[in-house]
Amino acid sequence: MIEPSPAVAGQATRFQRETELRESTPAKEAIVEVQKLEKTYHPARGPLTLFRDLDLRVDAGELVAIVGQSGAGKSTLLHILGALDAPSAGTVYCASTNVAELNSRQAAAFRNRVIGYVWQFHYLLPEFTAQENVAMPLLAQGQSRREALAMAGNWLREVGLEDRSDHRPGELSGGEQQRVALARALVNSPRLLLADEPTGDLDERTAGQVFDLLQRLHASYHLTSIVVTHNMDLAARCTRVLRLEGGRLTESTAVH
């Protein structure tokens, strides 16, 4: 594994400094603010409306679960929050940025700078090692290969995979692949972590281990995270549980 250079050692503390600043941030700082969101698709068979006047606020430091039936629009909501899709109406602010007003180039830069993503499938590039996969967001920002790989190595150590850094995705277990994906999502010090069914492809034991890791990193780095899940036991471990139904979000007090 490539060792950190002095420059990287300094950069490695950047995330810690940012988390210290987040600790001193007022508890009610909103990282996500959505008002009167609407999303309508227009397939050949006629309009399909997913959201109607949907409101959402997620404050700094929260770990929020979103649950609901398949097809309710949970993944679409994450796509809109992460500037992967555009709303039909309403306002969507993420980290003080109105994502609905971003053009494609601005949206790409916003995603790389502000958002960390974890999906149900890991989407690791099969021809690259775990360390190279984790380094990809940093390389996209223009960092040198040496520094990006060193930072990636730090994050693989954080998720317990330092000894697997030179392995390709096909040589890793499902749980290891998701841990690499989580490291890749966090290597850029995101303001918001979006996780779409991050344990959906894993067995119950491995799913619990991956979620344990997500919770630990969320707490250690004072992240703000939104998790879409069908696993009600995991949802119950979050700060809040929201149910998406009928195009709107409601607080859920009983998830079982």
C-alpha atoms as a PDB file:
ATOM      1  CA  MET A   1       0.000   0.000   0.000  1.00  0.00           C
ATOM      2  CA  ILE A   2       1.273   3.499  -0.822  1.00  0.00           C
ATOM      3  CA  GLU A   3       2.109   5.424   2.335  1.00  0.00           C
ATOM      4  CA  PRO A   4       0.834   8.983   2.850  1.00  0.00           C
ATOM      5  CA  SER A   5       3.150  11.801   1.839  1.00  0.00           C
ATOM      6  CA  PRO A   6       3.495  14.820   4.179  1.00  0.00           C
ATOM      7  CA  ALA A   7       0.955  16.639   2.023  1.00  0.00           C
ATOM      8  CA  VAL A   8      -1.485  13.769   2.359  1.00  0.00           C
ATOM      9  CA  ALA A   9      -0.879  13.547   6.087  1.00  0.00           C
ATOM     10  CA  GLY A  10      -2.057  17.124   6.308  1.00  0.00           C
ATOM     11  CA  GLN A  11      -5.020  16.409   4.067  1.00  0.00           C
ATOM     12  CA  ALA A  12      -5.886  13.359   6.105  1.00  0.00           C
ATOM     13  CA  THR A  13      -6.630  15.626   9.033  1.00  0.00           C
ATOM     14  CA  ARG A  14      -8.956  17.790   6.930  1.00  0.00           C
ATOM     15  CA  PHE A  15     -11.928  15.513   7.489  1.00  0.00           C
ATOM     16  CA  GLN A  16     -11.246  15.526  11.233  1.00  0.00           C
ATOM     17  CA  ARG A  17     -11.080  19.326  11.279  1.00  0.00           C
ATOM     18  CA  GLU A  18     -14.324  19.509   9.336  1.00  0.00           C
ATOM     19  CA  THR A  19     -16.032  17.139  11.747  1.00  0.00           C
ATOM     20  CA  GLU A  20     -14.831  19.265  14.666  1.00  0.00           C
ATOM     21  CA  LEU A  21     -16.398  22.276  12.985  1.00  0.00           C
ATOM     22  CA  ARG A  22     -19.609  20.310  12.500  1.00  0.00           C
ATOM     23  CA  GLU A  23     -19.646  19.557  16.238  1.00  0.00           C
ATOM     24  CA  SER A  24     -19.650  23.292  16.914  1.00  0.00           C
ATOM     25  CA  THR A  25     -22.350  23.938  14.306  1.00  0.00           C
ATOM     26  CA  PRO A  26     -25.807  24.732  15.733  1.00  0.00           C
ATOM     27  CA  ALA A  27     -27.803  21.535  16.054  1.00  0.00           C
ATOM     28  CA  LYS A  28     -30.600  22.896  13.897  1.00  0.00           C
ATOM     29  CA  GLU A  29     -28.519  23.582  10.792  1.00  0.00           C
ATOM     30  CA  ALA A  30     -30.451  22.061   7.901  1.00  0.00           C
ATOM     31  CA  ILE A  31     -28.368  20.056   5.453  1.00  0.00           C
ATOM     32  CA  VAL A  32     -31.444  19.095   3.402  1.00  0.00           C
ATOM     33  CA  GLU A  33     -34.499  21.305   2.924  1.00  0.00           C
ATOM     34  CA  VAL A  34     -37.196  20.247   0.485  1.00  0.00           C
ATOM     35  CA  GLN A  35     -40.474  22.136   0.062  1.00  0.00           C
ATOM     36  CA  LYS A  36     -43.495  21.245  -2.050  1.00  0.00           C
ATOM     37  CA  LEU A  37     -41.544  18.787  -4.166  1.00  0.00           C
ATOM     38  CA  GLU A  38     -43.342  17.305  -7.139  1.00  0.00           C
ATOM     39  CA  LYS A  39     -42.052  14.748  -9.608  1.00  0.00           C
ATOM     40  CA  THR A  40     -44.066  13.638 -12.614  1.00  0.00           C
ATOM     41  CA  TYR A  41     -42.983  11.336 -15.413  1.00  0.00           C
ATOM     42  CA  HIS A  42     -44.685  11.274 -18.797  1.00  0.00           C
ATOM     43  CA  PRO A  43     -44.562   7.759 -20.244  1.00  0.00           C
ATOM     44  CA  ALA A  44     -46.640   6.821 -23.275  1.00  0.00           C
ATOM     45  CA  ARG A  45     -49.433   5.422 -21.121  1.00  0.00           C
ATOM     46  CA  GLY A  46     -49.948   8.763 -19.361  1.00  0.00           C
ATOM     47  CA  PRO A  47     -48.496  10.932 -16.572  1.00  0.00           C
ATOM     48  CA  LEU A  48     -47.124   9.241 -13.457  1.00  0.00           C
ATOM     49  CA  THR A  49     -46.786  11.474 -10.394  1.00  0.00           C
ATOM     50  CA  LEU A  50     -44.550  10.203  -7.593  1.00  0.00           C
ATOM     51  CA  PHE A  51     -44.441  13.198  -5.236  1.00  0.00           C
ATOM     52  CA  ARG A  52     -47.117  15.745  -4.347  1.00  0.00           C
ATOM     53  CA  ASP A  53     -46.130  18.690  -2.131  1.00  0.00           C
ATOM     54  CA  LEU A  54     -43.473  16.584  -0.434  1.00  0.00           C
ATOM     55  CA  ASP A  55     -41.576  18.333   2.363  1.00  0.00           C
ATOM     56  CA  LEU A  56     -38.379  17.144   4.023  1.00  0.00           C
ATOM     57  CA  ARG A  57     -35.848  18.596   6.412  1.00  0.00           C
ATOM     58  CA  VAL A  58     -32.744  16.768   7.599  1.00  0.00           C
ATOM     59  CA  ASP A  59     -30.538  18.511  10.135  1.00  0.00           C
ATOM     60  CA  ALA A  60     -26.781  18.174  10.513  1.00  0.00           C
ATOM     61  CA  GLY A  61     -25.803  14.969  12.275  1.00  0.00           C
ATOM     62  CA  GLU A  62     -29.044  13.092  11.682  1.00  0.00           C
ATOM     63  CA  LEU A  63     -29.204   9.502  10.457  1.00  0.00           C
ATOM     64  CA  VAL A  64     -32.601   9.278   8.758  1.00  0.00           C
ATOM     65  CA  ALA A  65     -34.209   6.133   7.378  1.00  0.00           C
ATOM     66  CA  ILE A  66     -36.785   6.282   4.587  1.00  0.00           C
ATOM     67  CA  VAL A  67     -39.065   3.273   4.260  1.00  0.00           C
ATOM     68  CA  GLY A  68     -42.055   2.468   2.096  1.00  0.00           C
ATOM     69  CA  GLN A  69     -43.446   0.094  -0.484  1.00  0.00           C
ATOM     70  CA  SER A  70     -41.489  -0.738  -3.633  1.00  0.00           C
ATOM     71  CA  GLY A  71     -42.321   1.771  -6.339  1.00  0.00           C
ATOM     72  CA  ALA A  72     -43.179   4.546  -3.887  1.00  0.00           C
ATOM     73  CA  GLY A  73     -40.290   6.661  -5.161  1.00  0.00           C
ATOM     74  CA  LYS A  74     -37.656   6.251  -2.445  1.00  0.00           C
ATOM     75  CA  SER A  75     -34.759   5.867  -4.871  1.00  0.00           C
ATOM     76  CA  THR A  76     -36.074   8.697  -7.031  1.00  0.00           C
ATOM     77  CA  LEU A  77     -36.094  10.957  -3.988  1.00  0.00           C
ATOM     78  CA  LEU A  78     -32.436  10.175  -3.313  1.00  0.00           C
ATOM     79  CA  HIS A  79     -31.632  10.836  -6.966  1.00  0.00           C
ATOM     80  CA  ILE A  80     -33.217  14.282  -6.706  1.00  0.00           C
ATOM     81  CA  LEU A  81     -31.421  15.089  -3.445  1.00  0.00           C
ATOM     82  CA  GLY A  82     -28.141  14.050  -5.039  1.00  0.00           C
ATOM     83  CA  ALA A  83     -28.658  16.031  -8.264  1.00  0.00           C
ATOM     84  CA  LEU A  84     -29.003  12.879 -10.364  1.00  0.00           C
ATOM     85  CA  ASP A  85     -32.569  13.794 -11.318  1.00  0.00           C
ATOM     86  CA  ALA A  86     -34.518  17.046 -11.433  1.00  0.00           C
ATOM     87  CA  PRO A  87     -37.803  17.874  -9.697  1.00  0.00           C
ATOM     88  CA  SER A  88     -40.868  18.842 -11.700  1.00  0.00           C
ATOM     89  CA  ALA A  89     -41.703  21.537  -9.141  1.00  0.00           C
ATOM     90  CA  GLY A  90     -40.703  22.688  -5.677  1.00  0.00           C
ATOM     91  CA  THR A  91     -37.403  23.639  -4.079  1.00  0.00           C
ATOM     92  CA  VAL A  92     -34.587  21.279  -3.130  1.00  0.00           C
ATOM     93  CA  TYR A  93     -31.695  22.646  -1.092  1.00  0.00           C
ATOM     94  CA  CYS A  94     -28.766  20.455  -0.143  1.00  0.00           C
ATOM     95  CA  ALA A  95     -25.865  21.957   1.786  1.00  0.00           C
ATOM     96  CA  SER A  96     -27.251  25.424   0.966  1.00  0.00           C
ATOM     97  CA  THR A  97     -27.265  24.684  -2.772  1.00  0.00           C
ATOM     98  CA  ASN A  98     -30.472  24.759  -4.826  1.00  0.00           C
ATOM     99  CA  VAL A  99     -29.815  21.556  -6.747  1.00  0.00           C
ATOM    100  CA  ALA A 100     -32.743  22.157  -9.110  1.00  0.00           C
ATOM    101  CA  GLU A 101     -30.900  25.135 -10.597  1.00  0.00           C
ATOM    102  CA  LEU A 102     -27.670  23.278 -11.425  1.00  0.00           C
ATOM    103  CA  ASN A 103     -26.754  22.528 -15.016  1.00  0.00           C
ATOM    104  CA  SER A 104     -25.219  19.146 -15.840  1.00  0.00           C
ATOM    105  CA  ARG A 105     -21.624  20.262 -15.295  1.00  0.00           C
ATOM    106  CA  GLN A 106     -22.460  22.030 -12.032  1.00  0.00           C
ATOM    107  CA  ALA A 107     -24.441  18.999 -10.860  1.00  0.00           C
ATOM    108  CA  ALA A 108     -21.477  16.693 -11.504  1.00  0.00           C
ATOM    109  CA  ALA A 109     -19.148  18.978  -9.547  1.00  0.00           C
ATOM    110  CA  PHE A 110     -21.716  19.257  -6.741  1.00  0.00           C
ATOM    111  CA  ARG A 111     -22.059  15.479  -6.476  1.00  0.00           C
ATOM    112  CA  ASN A 112     -18.319  14.949  -6.335  1.00  0.00           C
ATOM    113  CA  ARG A 113     -17.827  17.679  -3.735  1.00  0.00           C
ATOM    114  CA  VAL A 114     -20.882  17.359  -1.483  1.00  0.00           C
ATOM    115  CA  ILE A 115     -22.518  13.932  -1.823  1.00  0.00           C
ATOM    116  CA  GLY A 116     -21.373  10.436  -0.903  1.00  0.00           C
ATOM    117  CA  TYR A 117     -23.327   7.566  -2.444  1.00  0.00           C
ATOM    118  CA  VAL A 118     -23.741   3.935  -1.471  1.00  0.00           C
ATOM    119  CA  TRP A 119     -26.049   1.797  -3.583  1.00  0.00           C
ATOM    120  CA  GLN A 120     -27.525  -1.683  -3.227  1.00  0.00           C
ATOM    121  CA  PHE A 121     -24.978  -2.848  -5.813  1.00  0.00           C
ATOM    122  CA  HIS A 122     -21.438  -1.724  -5.130  1.00  0.00           C
ATOM    123  CA  TYR A 123     -20.662  -0.436  -8.662  1.00  0.00           C
ATOM    124  CA  LEU A 124     -16.949  -0.974  -8.159  1.00  0.00           C
ATOM    125  CA  LEU A 125     -14.893  -0.993 -11.350  1.00  0.00           C
ATOM    126  CA  PRO A 126     -13.806  -4.627 -11.821  1.00  0.00           C
ATOM    127  CA  GLU A 127     -10.447  -3.921 -13.476  1.00  0.00           C
ATOM    128  CA  PHE A 128      -9.195  -1.762 -10.592  1.00  0.00           C
ATOM    129  CA  THR A 129      -8.116  -2.680  -7.068  1.00  0.00           C
ATOM    130  CA  ALA A 130     -10.085  -1.772  -3.966  1.00  0.00           C
ATOM    131  CA  GLN A 131      -7.650   1.061  -3.248  1.00  0.00           C
ATOM    132  CA  GLU A 132      -7.913   2.398  -6.794  1.00  0.00           C
ATOM    133  CA  ASN A 133     -11.711   2.275  -6.642  1.00  0.00           C
ATOM    134  CA  VAL A 134     -11.784   4.268  -3.424  1.00  0.00           C
ATOM    135  CA  ALA A 135      -9.388   6.811  -4.944  1.00  0.00           C
ATOM    136  CA  MET A 136     -11.575   7.484  -8.004  1.00  0.00           C
ATOM    137  CA  PRO A 137     -13.510  10.490  -6.588  1.00  0.00           C
ATOM    138  CA  LEU A 138     -10.239  12.161  -5.592  1.00  0.00           C
ATOM    139  CA  LEU A 139      -8.716  11.551  -9.011  1.00  0.00           C
ATOM    140  CA  ALA A 140     -11.839  13.069 -10.558  1.00  0.00           C
ATOM    141  CA  GLN A 141     -11.148  16.196  -8.495  1.00  0.00           C
ATOM    142  CA  GLY A 142      -7.665  16.440  -9.954  1.00  0.00           C
ATOM    143  CA  GLN A 143      -5.598  15.151  -7.049  1.00  0.00           C
ATOM    144  CA  SER A 144      -2.360  13.363  -7.846  1.00  0.00           C
ATOM    145  CA  ARG A 145      -2.482   9.598  -8.088  1.00  0.00           C
ATOM    146  CA  ARG A 146      -0.078   9.176  -5.189  1.00  0.00           C
ATOM    147  CA  GLU A 147      -2.056  11.390  -2.840  1.00  0.00           C
ATOM    148  CA  ALA A 148      -5.404   9.926  -3.917  1.00  0.00           C
ATOM    149  CA  LEU A 149      -4.183   6.380  -3.321  1.00  0.00           C
ATOM    150  CA  ALA A 150      -2.767   7.305   0.061  1.00  0.00           C
ATOM    151  CA  MET A 151      -6.076   8.827   1.156  1.00  0.00           C
ATOM    152  CA  ALA A 152      -7.892   5.769  -0.188  1.00  0.00           C
ATOM    153  CA  GLY A 153      -5.596   3.577   1.878  1.00  0.00           C
ATOM    154  CA  ASN A 154      -6.507   5.541   4.988  1.00  0.00           C
ATOM    155  CA  TRP A 155     -10.195   4.914   4.354  1.00  0.00           C
ATOM    156  CA  LEU A 156      -9.713   1.224   3.638  1.00  0.00           C
ATOM    157  CA  ARG A 157      -8.018   1.035   7.024  1.00  0.00           C
ATOM    158  CA  GLU A 158     -11.029   2.829   8.519  1.00  0.00           C
ATOM    159  CA  VAL A 159     -13.438   0.179   7.164  1.00  0.00           C
ATOM    160  CA  GLY A 160     -11.174  -2.712   8.184  1.00  0.00           C
ATOM    161  CA  LEU A 161      -9.901  -3.666   4.739  1.00  0.00           C
ATOM    162  CA  GLU A 162      -6.301  -2.494   4.795  1.00  0.00           C
ATOM    163  CA  ASP A 163      -5.124  -6.018   3.963  1.00  0.00           C
ATOM    164  CA  ARG A 164      -7.449  -6.208   0.925  1.00  0.00           C
ATOM    165  CA  SER A 165      -6.351  -2.981  -0.738  1.00  0.00           C
ATOM    166  CA  ASP A 166      -4.675  -4.704  -3.689  1.00  0.00           C
ATOM    167  CA  HIS A 167      -7.594  -7.059  -4.375  1.00  0.00           C
ATOM    168  CA  ARG A 168     -10.019  -6.498  -7.219  1.00  0.00           C
ATOM    169  CA  PRO A 169     -13.788  -6.500  -6.581  1.00  0.00           C
ATOM    170  CA  GLY A 170     -14.187 -10.047  -7.895  1.00  0.00           C
ATOM    171  CA  GLU A 171     -11.805 -11.242  -5.192  1.00  0.00           C
ATOM    172  CA  LEU A 172     -13.877  -9.715  -2.387  1.00  0.00           C
ATOM    173  CA  SER A 173     -16.963 -10.977  -0.583  1.00  0.00           C
ATOM    174  CA  GLY A 174     -20.252  -9.102  -0.851  1.00  0.00           C
ATOM    175  CA  GLY A 175     -19.763  -7.499   2.534  1.00  0.00           C
ATOM    176  CA  GLU A 176     -16.214  -6.473   1.660  1.00  0.00           C
ATOM    177  CA  GLN A 177     -17.406  -4.956  -1.613  1.00  0.00           C
ATOM    178  CA  GLN A 178     -19.932  -2.831   0.254  1.00  0.00           C
ATOM    179  CA  ARG A 179     -17.308  -1.713   2.741  1.00  0.00           C
ATOM    180  CA  VAL A 180     -15.109  -0.600  -0.156  1.00  0.00           C
ATOM    181  CA  ALA A 181     -18.114   1.233  -1.614  1.00  0.00           C
ATOM    182  CA  LEU A 182     -18.662   2.960   1.739  1.00  0.00           C
ATOM    183  CA  ALA A 183     -15.010   4.022   1.873  1.00  0.00           C
ATOM    184  CA  ARG A 184     -15.314   5.399  -1.663  1.00  0.00           C
ATOM    185  CA  ALA A 185     -18.437   7.346  -0.639  1.00  0.00           C
ATOM    186  CA  LEU A 186     -16.642   8.987   2.291  1.00  0.00           C
ATOM    187  CA  VAL A 187     -13.189   9.652   0.832  1.00  0.00           C
ATOM    188  CA  ASN A 188     -14.280  13.136  -0.302  1.00  0.00           C
ATOM    189  CA  SER A 189     -15.544  14.227   3.135  1.00  0.00           C
ATOM    190  CA  PRO A 190     -19.152  14.624   1.909  1.00  0.00           C
ATOM    191  CA  ARG A 191     -21.663  16.877   3.622  1.00  0.00           C
ATOM    192  CA  LEU A 192     -24.394  14.303   2.949  1.00  0.00           C
ATOM    193  CA  LEU A 193     -24.270  10.510   2.673  1.00  0.00           C
ATOM    194  CA  LEU A 194     -27.050   8.924   0.599  1.00  0.00           C
ATOM    195  CA  ALA A 195     -27.418   5.151   0.959  1.00  0.00           C
ATOM    196  CA  ASP A 196     -29.953   3.348  -1.236  1.00  0.00           C
ATOM    197  CA  GLU A 197     -30.601  -0.143   0.152  1.00  0.00           C
ATOM    198  CA  PRO A 198     -26.930  -0.489   1.144  1.00  0.00           C
ATOM    199  CA  THR A 199     -27.511  -3.939   2.675  1.00  0.00           C
ATOM    200  CA  GLY A 200     -30.162  -5.169   0.237  1.00  0.00           C
ATOM    201  CA  ASP A 201     -27.911  -7.712  -1.500  1.00  0.00           C
ATOM    202  CA  LEU A 202     -26.396  -9.098   1.699  1.00  0.00           C
ATOM    203  CA  ASP A 203     -27.372 -11.912   4.041  1.00  0.00           C
ATOM    204  CA  GLU A 204     -28.767 -10.944   7.424  1.00  0.00           C
ATOM    205  CA  ARG A 205     -25.509 -11.332   9.351  1.00  0.00           C
ATOM    206  CA  THR A 206     -23.404  -9.430   6.823  1.00  0.00           C
ATOM    207  CA  ALA A 207     -26.091  -6.754   6.478  1.00  0.00           C
ATOM    208  CA  GLY A 208     -25.930  -6.155  10.211  1.00  0.00           C
ATOM    209  CA  GLN A 209     -22.141  -5.863  10.113  1.00  0.00           C
ATOM    210  CA  VAL A 210     -22.202  -3.361   7.242  1.00  0.00           C
ATOM    211  CA  PHE A 211     -24.869  -1.284   8.980  1.00  0.00           C
ATOM    212  CA  ASP A 212     -22.866  -1.391  12.215  1.00  0.00           C
ATOM    213  CA  LEU A 213     -19.954   0.080  10.263  1.00  0.00           C
ATOM    214  CA  LEU A 214     -22.136   2.737   8.666  1.00  0.00           C
ATOM    215  CA  GLN A 215     -23.463   3.750  12.084  1.00  0.00           C
ATOM    216  CA  ARG A 216     -19.975   3.880  13.580  1.00  0.00           C
ATOM    217  CA  LEU A 217     -18.620   6.076  10.789  1.00  0.00           C
ATOM    218  CA  HIS A 218     -21.723   8.265  10.933  1.00  0.00           C
ATOM    219  CA  ALA A 219     -21.127   8.893  14.630  1.00  0.00           C
ATOM    220  CA  SER A 220     -17.333   9.168  14.464  1.00  0.00           C
ATOM    221  CA  TYR A 221     -17.310  11.704  11.639  1.00  0.00           C
ATOM    222  CA  HIS A 222     -20.533  13.503  12.565  1.00  0.00           C
ATOM    223  CA  LEU A 223     -22.048  12.762   9.184  1.00  0.00           C
ATOM    224  CA  THR A 224     -25.512  13.585   7.935  1.00  0.00           C
ATOM    225  CA  SER A 225     -26.983  10.469   6.350  1.00  0.00           C
ATOM    226  CA  ILE A 226     -30.172   9.335   4.627  1.00  0.00           C
ATOM    227  CA  VAL A 227     -30.711   5.601   4.242  1.00  0.00           C
ATOM    228  CA  VAL A 228     -33.402   3.989   2.107  1.00  0.00           C
ATOM    229  CA  THR A 229     -34.135   0.494   3.351  1.00  0.00           C
ATOM    230  CA  HIS A 230     -36.730  -2.267   3.464  1.00  0.00           C
ATOM    231  CA  ASN A 231     -35.063  -3.687   6.576  1.00  0.00           C
ATOM    232  CA  MET A 232     -37.229  -2.411   9.401  1.00  0.00           C
ATOM    233  CA  ASP A 233     -34.840  -3.621  12.107  1.00  0.00           C
ATOM    234  CA  LEU A 234     -32.066  -1.493  10.622  1.00  0.00           C
ATOM    235  CA  ALA A 235     -34.409   1.456  10.084  1.00  0.00           C
ATOM    236  CA  ALA A 236     -35.324   1.386  13.774  1.00  0.00           C
ATOM    237  CA  ARG A 237     -31.673   2.056  14.647  1.00  0.00           C
ATOM    238  CA  CYS A 238     -31.708   5.442  12.898  1.00  0.00           C
ATOM    239  CA  THR A 239     -32.356   8.855  14.421  1.00  0.00           C
ATOM    240  CA  ARG A 240     -35.691   9.149  12.621  1.00  0.00           C
ATOM    241  CA  VAL A 241     -37.790   6.936  10.382  1.00  0.00           C
ATOM    242  CA  LEU A 242     -39.841   8.499   7.591  1.00  0.00           C
ATOM    243  CA  ARG A 243     -42.399   6.624   5.529  1.00  0.00           C
ATOM    244  CA  LEU A 244     -42.929   7.535   1.877  1.00  0.00           C
ATOM    245  CA  GLU A 245     -46.529   6.848   0.929  1.00  0.00           C
ATOM    246  CA  GLY A 246     -48.977   8.546  -1.385  1.00  0.00           C
ATOM    247  CA  GLY A 247     -46.321  10.921  -2.629  1.00  0.00           C
ATOM    248  CA  ARG A 248     -45.506  12.363   0.805  1.00  0.00           C
ATOM    249  CA  LEU A 249     -43.265  11.682   3.785  1.00  0.00           C
ATOM    250  CA  THR A 250     -44.627  11.131   7.285  1.00  0.00           C
ATOM    251  CA  GLU A 251     -42.882  10.438  10.566  1.00  0.00           C
ATOM    252  CA  SER A 252     -43.086   6.759  11.439  1.00  0.00           C
ATOM    253  CA  THR A 253     -43.148   5.844  15.107  1.00  0.00           C
ATOM    254  CA  ALA A 254     -43.642   2.110  14.557  1.00  0.00           C
ATOM    255  CA  VAL A 255     -41.595   0.466  11.847  1.00  0.00           C
ATOM    256  CA  HIS A 256     -42.311  -3.166  12.599  1.00  0.00           C
END
